[in-house]
Protein backbone atom coordinates (compact mmCIF):
# COMPACT_ATOMS: atom_id res chain seq x y z
CA MET A 1 -115.22 -14.71 96.49
CA THR A 2 -116.47 -17.61 94.19
CA ALA A 3 -116.66 -18.13 90.52
CA VAL A 4 -119.07 -19.50 88.93
CA GLN A 5 -118.00 -22.04 85.41
CA SER A 6 -118.38 -20.65 82.01
CA SER A 7 -120.52 -21.96 79.40
CA ALA A 8 -118.17 -24.23 77.77
CA GLU A 9 -117.64 -25.84 80.77
CA ASP A 10 -121.28 -27.09 80.55
CA ARG A 11 -120.36 -28.12 76.63
CA GLY A 12 -117.85 -30.66 78.23
CA GLY A 13 -114.98 -28.34 78.97
CA ASP A 14 -112.94 -28.33 82.10
CA ILE A 15 -113.26 -25.54 84.91
CA THR A 16 -111.10 -23.13 82.34
CA GLY A 17 -113.31 -23.47 79.81
CA LYS A 18 -111.15 -24.96 77.48
CA PRO A 19 -111.10 -28.28 76.26
CA ARG A 20 -110.36 -31.40 78.15
CA ARG A 21 -106.79 -32.56 77.59
CA ARG A 22 -106.39 -36.59 77.92
CA GLY A 23 -104.01 -37.74 79.97
CA VAL A 24 -101.63 -40.82 79.86
CA PRO A 25 -103.85 -43.94 79.37
CA GLY A 26 -104.09 -46.04 82.99
CA ARG A 27 -102.47 -42.85 85.08
CA PRO A 28 -105.09 -40.39 86.66
CA SER A 29 -104.40 -36.71 85.72
CA VAL A 30 -103.06 -33.73 87.91
CA LEU A 31 -106.88 -32.56 88.24
CA GLY A 32 -108.05 -36.11 88.73
CA VAL A 33 -105.78 -36.54 92.03
CA TYR A 34 -105.41 -32.75 93.29
CA VAL A 35 -109.93 -32.45 93.34
CA PRO A 36 -110.65 -35.35 95.33
CA ALA A 37 -107.47 -34.87 97.63
CA VAL A 38 -108.51 -31.11 98.31
CA VAL A 39 -112.15 -32.62 99.07
CA LEU A 40 -110.39 -35.31 101.74
CA VAL A 41 -108.70 -32.61 103.58
CA HIS A 42 -111.83 -30.88 104.06
CA LEU A 43 -114.22 -33.92 104.82
CA THR A 44 -111.18 -34.77 107.24
CA LEU A 45 -110.75 -31.20 108.76
CA THR A 46 -114.94 -31.20 109.02
CA VAL A 47 -114.70 -34.95 110.73
CA ALA A 48 -112.18 -33.82 113.54
CA GLY A 49 -113.92 -30.50 113.89
CA LEU A 50 -117.06 -32.14 114.74
CA THR A 51 -115.65 -34.02 117.43
CA ARG A 52 -113.52 -31.60 119.54
CA THR A 53 -115.45 -28.13 118.62
CA PRO A 54 -117.94 -28.16 122.16
CA VAL A 55 -121.35 -26.89 121.22
CA ARG A 56 -121.95 -23.42 122.32
CA LEU A 57 -125.42 -21.60 122.17
CA ASN A 58 -124.02 -18.12 121.09
CA ASP A 59 -121.86 -19.87 118.74
CA LEU A 60 -125.28 -21.78 116.95
CA LEU A 61 -127.10 -18.48 117.20
CA THR A 62 -124.37 -16.53 115.01
CA PHE A 63 -123.99 -19.13 112.89
CA GLY A 64 -127.25 -19.36 111.54
CA ALA A 65 -127.65 -15.66 111.66
CA LEU A 66 -125.18 -15.26 109.41
CA LEU A 67 -126.32 -18.26 107.45
CA ALA A 68 -129.60 -16.56 107.04
CA CYS A 69 -128.26 -13.44 105.94
CA GLY A 70 -126.34 -14.84 103.23
CA ALA A 71 -129.15 -16.76 101.91
CA VAL A 72 -131.43 -14.05 102.05
CA CYS A 73 -128.29 -12.15 99.49
CA ILE A 74 -128.99 -15.25 97.12
CA GLU A 75 -132.72 -15.30 96.98
CA THR A 76 -132.87 -10.98 96.47
CA SER A 77 -130.58 -11.24 93.94
CA ARG A 78 -131.54 -14.85 91.91
CA ARG A 79 -133.92 -13.16 89.96
CA LEU A 80 -131.06 -11.31 88.26
CA GLY A 81 -129.65 -14.74 87.38
CA MET A 82 -126.35 -15.91 87.06
CA PRO A 83 -125.15 -16.59 83.75
CA ALA A 84 -121.55 -17.07 81.97
CA GLY A 85 -119.59 -14.37 82.63
CA VAL A 86 -121.01 -13.43 85.78
CA ALA A 87 -118.48 -14.80 88.24
CA ARG A 88 -118.48 -12.75 91.70
CA ASP A 89 -120.64 -12.12 95.11
CA LEU A 90 -120.58 -11.01 98.24
CA LEU A 91 -120.91 -14.16 100.00
CA SER A 92 -117.73 -13.67 101.63
CA ALA A 93 -119.40 -10.56 103.29
CA TRP A 94 -120.94 -13.60 105.51
CA TRP A 95 -118.54 -16.43 105.79
CA LEU A 96 -115.47 -14.09 106.42
CA PRO A 97 -117.12 -12.82 109.69
CA VAL A 98 -117.94 -16.81 110.66
CA VAL A 99 -113.93 -17.56 109.79
CA LEU A 100 -113.01 -14.57 112.30
CA LEU A 101 -115.93 -15.03 115.17
CA LEU A 102 -116.75 -18.64 115.27
CA PRO A 103 -114.22 -21.94 115.84
CA PRO A 104 -113.14 -22.96 112.69
CA LEU A 105 -115.93 -25.80 112.17
CA TYR A 106 -117.96 -23.34 111.25
CA ALA A 107 -115.66 -21.68 108.98
CA LEU A 108 -115.38 -25.12 106.80
CA LEU A 109 -119.54 -25.88 107.43
CA ILE A 110 -120.49 -22.38 106.03
CA PRO A 111 -119.91 -23.37 102.40
CA ILE A 112 -122.29 -26.39 102.09
CA PRO A 113 -125.37 -24.71 102.31
CA LEU A 114 -124.51 -21.53 100.79
CA GLN A 115 -123.29 -23.04 97.65
CA MET A 116 -125.91 -25.83 97.62
CA LEU A 117 -128.47 -22.80 97.84
CA LEU A 118 -126.50 -21.56 94.35
CA GLN A 119 -126.55 -24.88 93.02
CA PHE A 120 -130.01 -25.72 93.09
CA ARG A 121 -131.93 -21.54 93.57
CA VAL A 122 -129.74 -19.90 91.01
CA ARG A 123 -127.48 -21.94 88.49
CA ARG A 124 -127.17 -25.62 88.15
CA THR A 125 -123.05 -26.53 87.22
CA LEU A 126 -120.77 -29.59 87.24
CA LEU A 127 -121.04 -31.22 90.87
CA TYR A 128 -117.28 -31.61 91.37
CA ARG A 129 -116.97 -27.51 90.41
CA ARG A 130 -119.34 -26.94 93.07
CA VAL A 131 -117.59 -29.71 95.21
CA LEU A 132 -114.30 -28.20 94.82
CA VAL A 133 -115.50 -24.80 95.47
CA ILE A 134 -117.37 -25.94 98.66
CA ALA A 135 -113.81 -27.61 99.83
CA ALA A 136 -111.52 -24.58 98.97
CA LEU A 137 -113.54 -22.26 100.83
CA GLY A 138 -113.56 -24.69 103.86
CA VAL A 139 -109.94 -25.24 104.06
CA SER A 140 -109.31 -21.70 103.04
CA GLY A 141 -111.56 -20.44 106.27
CA ALA A 142 -110.43 -22.91 108.29
CA CYS A 143 -106.39 -21.88 108.04
CA ALA A 144 -107.10 -18.47 108.58
CA SER A 145 -109.81 -18.81 111.41
CA VAL A 146 -106.93 -21.27 113.10
CA ALA A 147 -104.43 -17.95 112.36
CA PHE A 148 -106.90 -15.41 113.93
CA HIS A 149 -107.73 -17.73 117.08
CA HIS A 150 -104.51 -17.75 117.90
CA VAL A 151 -104.34 -14.01 118.16
CA VAL A 152 -108.07 -13.47 119.76
CA PRO A 153 -109.13 -16.45 121.36
CA GLU A 154 -112.39 -15.85 122.16
CA PRO A 155 -113.70 -13.28 119.80
CA LEU A 156 -117.38 -13.52 121.26
CA ALA A 157 -116.34 -13.36 125.09
CA GLY A 158 -118.11 -10.54 126.99
CA THR A 159 -117.01 -6.71 125.69
CA PRO A 160 -115.24 -7.73 122.24
CA GLY A 161 -111.92 -5.74 123.20
CA TRP A 162 -110.83 -6.58 120.00
CA VAL A 163 -112.94 -4.47 118.01
CA ILE A 164 -113.01 -1.42 121.07
CA ASP A 165 -109.48 -1.08 121.43
CA GLY A 166 -108.15 -2.04 117.82
CA TRP A 167 -104.77 -3.64 118.51
CA PRO A 168 -103.92 -5.98 117.50
CA GLY A 169 -107.62 -7.56 116.54
CA ILE A 170 -108.40 -5.38 113.72
CA PRO A 171 -105.13 -5.54 111.97
CA ALA A 172 -105.28 -9.28 112.49
CA ALA A 173 -108.61 -9.26 111.09
CA VAL A 174 -107.91 -7.94 107.94
CA GLY A 175 -104.96 -10.21 107.65
CA CYS A 176 -106.40 -13.20 107.63
CA ALA A 177 -108.90 -12.30 105.24
CA ALA A 178 -106.28 -11.64 103.32
CA LEU A 179 -105.28 -15.06 103.89
CA PHE A 180 -108.44 -16.81 103.10
CA THR A 181 -108.44 -14.78 100.06
CA VAL A 182 -105.27 -15.89 98.66
CA LEU A 183 -105.32 -19.64 99.97
CA ASN A 184 -109.17 -19.54 98.17
CA THR A 185 -108.01 -18.32 95.23
CA PHE A 186 -104.53 -20.56 94.98
CA LEU A 187 -106.69 -23.68 95.64
CA VAL A 188 -109.26 -22.84 92.92
CA ALA A 189 -106.23 -21.75 90.44
CA PHE A 190 -103.96 -24.63 90.69
CA ALA A 191 -107.39 -26.66 89.32
CA ALA A 192 -108.00 -24.68 87.07
CA HIS A 193 -104.07 -24.75 86.03
CA ALA A 194 -103.92 -28.39 86.25
CA ALA A 195 -106.80 -28.87 83.59
CA ASP A 196 -104.48 -26.61 81.15
CA PRO A 197 -100.87 -26.63 81.91
CA GLU A 198 -100.07 -24.93 78.92
CA GLY A 199 -102.05 -21.78 79.90
CA ARG A 200 -100.46 -18.86 81.82
CA TRP A 201 -100.93 -18.39 85.51
CA ARG A 202 -101.86 -14.51 85.38
CA ASP A 203 -105.15 -16.21 83.69
CA VAL A 204 -106.28 -18.06 86.44
CA LEU A 205 -105.00 -15.66 89.42
CA TRP A 206 -105.69 -11.93 89.43
CA ASN A 207 -105.75 -9.15 87.25
CA ARG A 208 -106.54 -5.52 88.06
CA GLU A 209 -110.18 -5.93 88.34
CA SER A 210 -110.22 -8.95 90.20
CA LEU A 211 -107.42 -7.88 93.04
CA LEU A 212 -110.47 -4.75 93.45
CA LEU A 213 -113.26 -6.62 93.70
CA ASP A 214 -111.19 -9.10 96.45
CA VAL A 215 -110.13 -6.28 98.53
CA VAL A 216 -113.60 -5.07 98.61
CA ASP A 217 -114.81 -8.53 99.97
CA LEU A 218 -111.92 -8.50 102.15
CA CYS A 219 -113.59 -4.77 103.94
CA VAL A 220 -117.40 -5.80 103.70
CA GLY A 221 -116.76 -8.94 105.30
CA VAL A 222 -114.27 -7.25 107.98
CA THR A 223 -116.90 -4.66 108.62
CA VAL A 224 -119.63 -7.31 109.17
CA ALA A 225 -117.69 -9.17 111.42
CA VAL A 226 -116.77 -5.99 113.42
CA THR A 227 -120.68 -5.11 113.54
CA SER A 228 -121.91 -8.99 114.58
CA ALA A 229 -119.37 -8.39 117.22
CA LEU A 230 -120.51 -5.79 119.09
CA SER A 231 -124.11 -6.91 118.69
CA LEU A 232 -125.70 -9.53 116.64
CA GLY A 233 -128.63 -7.76 116.16
CA MET A 234 -127.00 -5.28 114.37
CA LEU A 235 -126.56 -7.26 111.09
CA ALA A 236 -130.02 -6.56 110.03
CA LEU A 237 -128.63 -2.71 109.77
CA THR A 238 -125.61 -4.51 107.41
CA LEU A 239 -128.05 -6.80 105.32
CA PRO A 240 -130.01 -4.32 103.43
CA PRO A 241 -126.71 -2.37 102.02
CA VAL A 242 -125.15 -5.95 101.45
CA VAL A 243 -127.72 -6.68 99.04
CA LEU A 244 -127.93 -3.49 97.23
CA LEU A 245 -124.43 -3.83 97.14
CA GLN A 246 -124.12 -7.30 95.83
CA ARG A 247 -127.21 -6.63 93.10
CA SER A 248 -125.34 -3.62 91.65
CA LEU A 249 -122.14 -5.55 91.59
CA MET A 250 -124.18 -8.32 89.65
CA HIS A 251 -125.89 -6.11 87.44
CA GLN A 252 -122.95 -4.53 86.68
CA GLN A 253 -121.64 -8.24 85.55
CA LEU A 254 -124.92 -8.48 83.48
CA GLN A 255 -124.31 -5.62 81.35
CA ALA A 256 -120.36 -6.71 80.92
CA ALA A 257 -121.96 -10.38 79.77
CA ALA A 258 -124.22 -8.49 77.39
CA ARG A 259 -121.10 -6.85 75.51
CA THR A 260 -119.46 -10.48 75.38
CA ASP A 261 -119.43 -13.64 72.74
CA ALA A 262 -120.80 -15.97 75.02
CA LYS A 263 -118.63 -19.12 73.32
CA THR A 264 -115.27 -17.15 73.50
CA GLY A 265 -115.46 -14.10 76.20
CA LEU A 266 -114.80 -11.79 73.48
CA LEU A 267 -116.24 -8.45 72.48
CA ASN A 268 -119.58 -9.26 70.24
CA ALA A 269 -119.60 -7.42 67.25
CA ALA A 270 -121.91 -4.77 68.52
CA ALA A 271 -119.62 -4.34 71.45
CA TRP A 272 -116.79 -4.55 69.27
CA GLN A 273 -118.18 -1.52 67.03
CA ARG A 274 -118.52 0.97 69.73
CA GLU A 275 -115.39 0.52 71.02
CA ALA A 276 -113.59 0.40 67.77
CA ASP A 277 -115.61 3.62 66.88
CA THR A 278 -114.05 4.98 70.25
CA GLU A 279 -110.84 4.54 68.63
CA LEU A 280 -111.07 5.60 65.41
CA SER A 281 -112.08 8.93 66.78
CA ARG A 282 -109.02 9.00 69.14
CA ALA A 283 -107.07 8.73 65.91
CA GLN A 284 -108.60 10.91 63.65
CA ARG A 285 -108.08 13.29 66.63
CA THR A 286 -104.38 12.54 67.47
CA HIS A 287 -102.90 11.26 64.00
CA ASP A 288 -101.78 8.48 65.29
CA PRO A 289 -102.00 5.21 62.55
CA LEU A 290 -104.36 2.69 63.30
CA ALA A 291 -104.37 -0.81 61.93
CA LEU A 292 -107.37 -3.44 61.63
CA LEU A 293 -106.95 -7.47 61.22
CA LEU A 294 -109.66 -9.38 59.71
CA ILE A 295 -109.29 -13.29 60.81
CA ASP A 296 -111.09 -15.75 59.71
CA ILE A 297 -110.29 -19.85 60.88
CA ASP A 298 -109.08 -22.21 57.85
CA HIS A 299 -111.57 -25.01 56.81
CA PHE A 300 -113.52 -24.41 59.76
CA LYS A 301 -116.87 -25.82 58.11
CA ARG A 302 -114.80 -29.07 57.75
CA VAL A 303 -114.01 -29.17 61.64
CA ASN A 304 -117.95 -28.77 62.21
CA ASP A 305 -118.74 -31.48 59.59
CA THR A 306 -116.29 -33.89 60.91
CA HIS A 307 -115.82 -33.69 64.16
CA GLY A 308 -119.26 -31.90 65.47
CA HIS A 309 -120.33 -28.45 66.97
CA LEU A 310 -119.32 -29.21 70.30
CA LEU A 311 -115.38 -29.58 69.40
CA GLY A 312 -115.66 -27.05 66.60
CA ASP A 313 -117.05 -24.44 69.66
CA GLN A 314 -113.33 -25.67 71.47
CA VAL A 315 -111.41 -24.44 68.63
CA LEU A 316 -113.02 -21.06 68.39
CA ILE A 317 -112.15 -21.09 72.18
CA GLY A 318 -108.43 -21.96 71.96
CA VAL A 319 -108.17 -19.52 68.98
CA ALA A 320 -109.72 -16.77 71.14
CA GLY A 321 -107.40 -17.29 74.34
CA THR A 322 -104.34 -17.57 71.49
CA LEU A 323 -105.04 -14.49 70.31
CA CYS A 324 -106.08 -12.40 73.70
CA GLY A 325 -102.69 -14.21 74.46
CA GLN A 326 -100.54 -12.13 72.25
CA LEU A 327 -102.32 -8.52 72.26
CA ARG A 328 -101.79 -5.97 74.26
CA ASP A 329 -104.41 -4.86 76.85
CA TYR A 330 -105.73 -1.56 74.74
CA ASP A 331 -105.80 -3.82 71.53
CA VAL A 332 -109.50 -4.30 70.58
CA VAL A 333 -110.28 -8.01 70.02
CA GLY A 334 -113.93 -9.54 68.97
CA ARG A 335 -115.66 -12.01 67.48
CA PHE A 336 -117.26 -10.72 64.54
CA GLY A 337 -119.96 -14.04 63.82
CA GLY A 338 -119.11 -17.65 62.74
CA GLU A 339 -115.61 -17.72 62.40
CA GLU A 340 -114.36 -14.39 61.90
CA PHE A 341 -112.43 -12.72 64.62
CA VAL A 342 -111.63 -9.09 63.86
CA VAL A 343 -108.46 -7.15 65.80
CA LEU A 344 -108.21 -3.29 66.31
CA LEU A 345 -104.70 -2.21 66.60
CA PRO A 346 -104.29 1.41 67.97
CA GLY A 347 -100.63 3.08 66.91
CA ALA A 348 -99.53 -0.19 64.65
CA ASP A 349 -98.50 0.91 61.12
CA THR A 350 -98.04 -1.01 58.37
CA VAL A 351 -94.80 -2.88 59.38
CA GLU A 352 -96.39 -2.99 63.05
CA ALA A 353 -99.51 -4.90 61.78
CA CYS A 354 -97.80 -7.30 59.22
CA ARG A 355 -95.64 -8.18 62.41
CA VAL A 356 -98.77 -8.84 64.61
CA ALA A 357 -100.85 -10.90 61.85
CA GLU A 358 -97.99 -12.60 61.30
CA ARG A 359 -97.79 -13.71 65.19
CA LEU A 360 -100.94 -14.59 65.92
CA ARG A 361 -100.94 -16.94 62.36
CA GLY A 362 -97.89 -18.11 64.14
CA ARG A 363 -99.57 -18.73 67.31
CA VAL A 364 -102.35 -19.80 66.00
CA ARG A 365 -100.60 -22.74 63.96
CA ARG A 366 -99.03 -24.40 66.89
CA LEU A 367 -102.69 -25.02 68.59
CA ALA A 368 -103.67 -28.41 68.97
CA VAL A 369 -107.47 -29.43 69.97
CA PRO A 370 -107.93 -32.86 71.19
CA ALA A 371 -110.00 -35.16 69.82
CA GLU A 372 -111.43 -38.46 69.92
CA ASP A 373 -109.06 -39.80 67.44
CA GLY A 374 -106.04 -37.28 68.08
CA THR A 375 -105.89 -33.55 67.52
CA ILE A 376 -106.92 -30.85 65.47
CA GLY A 377 -104.88 -28.91 63.53
CA VAL A 378 -105.70 -24.96 62.88
CA THR A 379 -104.60 -22.17 60.60
CA ILE A 380 -106.14 -19.04 60.14
CA SER A 381 -105.99 -16.40 57.18
CA VAL A 382 -105.60 -12.53 58.02
CA GLY A 383 -106.77 -9.53 55.92
CA VAL A 384 -104.78 -6.37 56.92
CA ALA A 385 -105.88 -2.90 56.49
CA LEU A 386 -104.28 0.56 57.45
CA TYR A 387 -106.17 3.55 58.33
CA ARG A 388 -105.89 6.81 55.94
CA MET A 389 -104.13 4.26 53.67
CA HIS A 390 -106.99 1.74 53.19
CA GLY A 391 -109.89 3.44 54.30
CA ASP A 392 -111.31 6.62 56.35
CA ASP A 393 -114.11 5.18 58.56
CA LEU A 394 -114.63 2.08 60.29
CA ILE A 395 -116.96 0.25 57.18
CA GLU A 396 -113.91 1.56 54.44
CA LEU A 397 -111.54 -0.21 57.17
CA LEU A 398 -113.89 -3.33 57.35
CA ALA A 399 -114.12 -3.75 53.30
CA ALA A 400 -110.52 -3.50 52.60
CA ALA A 401 -109.28 -5.93 55.18
CA ASP A 402 -112.33 -7.98 54.19
CA LEU A 403 -110.54 -7.96 50.35
CA ALA A 404 -107.29 -8.70 51.80
CA LEU A 405 -108.76 -11.53 53.46
CA TYR A 406 -110.33 -12.96 50.34
CA ARG A 407 -106.79 -12.63 48.63
CA ALA A 408 -105.58 -14.54 51.47
CA LYS A 409 -107.86 -17.46 51.12
CA GLN A 410 -107.03 -17.36 47.35
CA SER A 411 -103.59 -17.73 47.39
CA GLY A 412 -103.70 -20.71 49.74
CA ARG A 413 -105.02 -19.99 53.21
CA ASP A 414 -102.64 -19.85 56.56
CA ARG A 415 -100.96 -16.63 55.27
CA VAL A 416 -101.61 -12.57 56.07
CA CYS A 417 -102.96 -10.46 53.13
CA LEU A 418 -102.81 -6.47 52.56
CA PRO A 419 -105.42 -5.05 50.18
CA ALA A 420 -104.35 -5.28 46.63
CA LEU A 421 -102.52 -2.41 45.00
CA ASP A 422 -105.22 -1.72 42.03
CA SER A 423 -108.00 -1.45 45.05
CA PRO A 424 -110.12 2.13 45.05
CA LYS A 425 -108.19 3.64 48.32
CA ALA A 426 -104.99 2.05 47.68
CA THR A 427 -104.95 3.36 43.94
CA GLU A 428 -106.22 6.95 45.72
CA GLY A 429 -103.34 6.82 48.35
């Protein structure tokens, strides 16, 4: 239920991994106001809870047991590492039961030790980022806890009738767990959007995969809560499968991270080639058209030499984000190395491929990357190659697109070109 910042943030980007945008001098940014506000709400609620919540041994034992289980999960998966791109864990399996079973104070407290353990034992991140995650989890958990305790005032009192009878306790537990997920997501997403107001909300909220993982989090957390309510000792039975599930989830994310370029989040060259080979085989079977775009950032070396490699990285990130925002989900886009990107367009003929290439060129031209002395404008040159017309396999297509890209560069850059008519394959066609 938590997100781990990307490596771009460590290089000076904001929590979205994009370059920080400068606000009006003397006026705090939205993010600069929002983060302290969320943290202040969390601190205020925590202080109020400490003064009003009675200390009960059963609550302390339950809190300690769930906290210990969360710490064990972190330690057992610590050796897997948590690099950029690995953003999900199953710690909700332990703090969702705290939200549902214990007074709201404990929901405010549980993220603090677990997030600090992640900070110092797994992966260090910018402190304000970690503090925002703690506050968002705590506030969301407290709201969900208040809602659940309104339906089930004493979840741990005697025999848990809300578990045995099932109604209305179980539906309320599921609903409050969903409330916790939604509130936490929006609190963090608002910060991400405030850091990049020009970005799209859908990029910082849910996609199909993240929504599915949230459902898994919710189900595991409610299951552990029900088990804990029946008998605290049964946590010993739930810990091994949750640890195994978390390690499996992190292993899958590590595999996915190995396929992506660390700076841009796009497919790396090897992964892109595997995906492209699959699409090419499909086009051979179905006789559908297919196009390849080879994209190069104009004068990129000048950007690195003038402004430094960190700002050059922000240009790469900005171009990658623009490309992804303009392409279809099934288009295959990757970073080919240096300042070159490559895009495979399944089902695209000559007209469609040139139209997409021109749209990408125009969108990138609007990109303005903040620099110390203003902004950096970015342009790209694009070479277009068509399957069967310019090549019958991936190597021929890449060679043809490279020739077209060379034509675009020689013609003045910031343009889209096809291979010359006198190129070998074009002459055969």
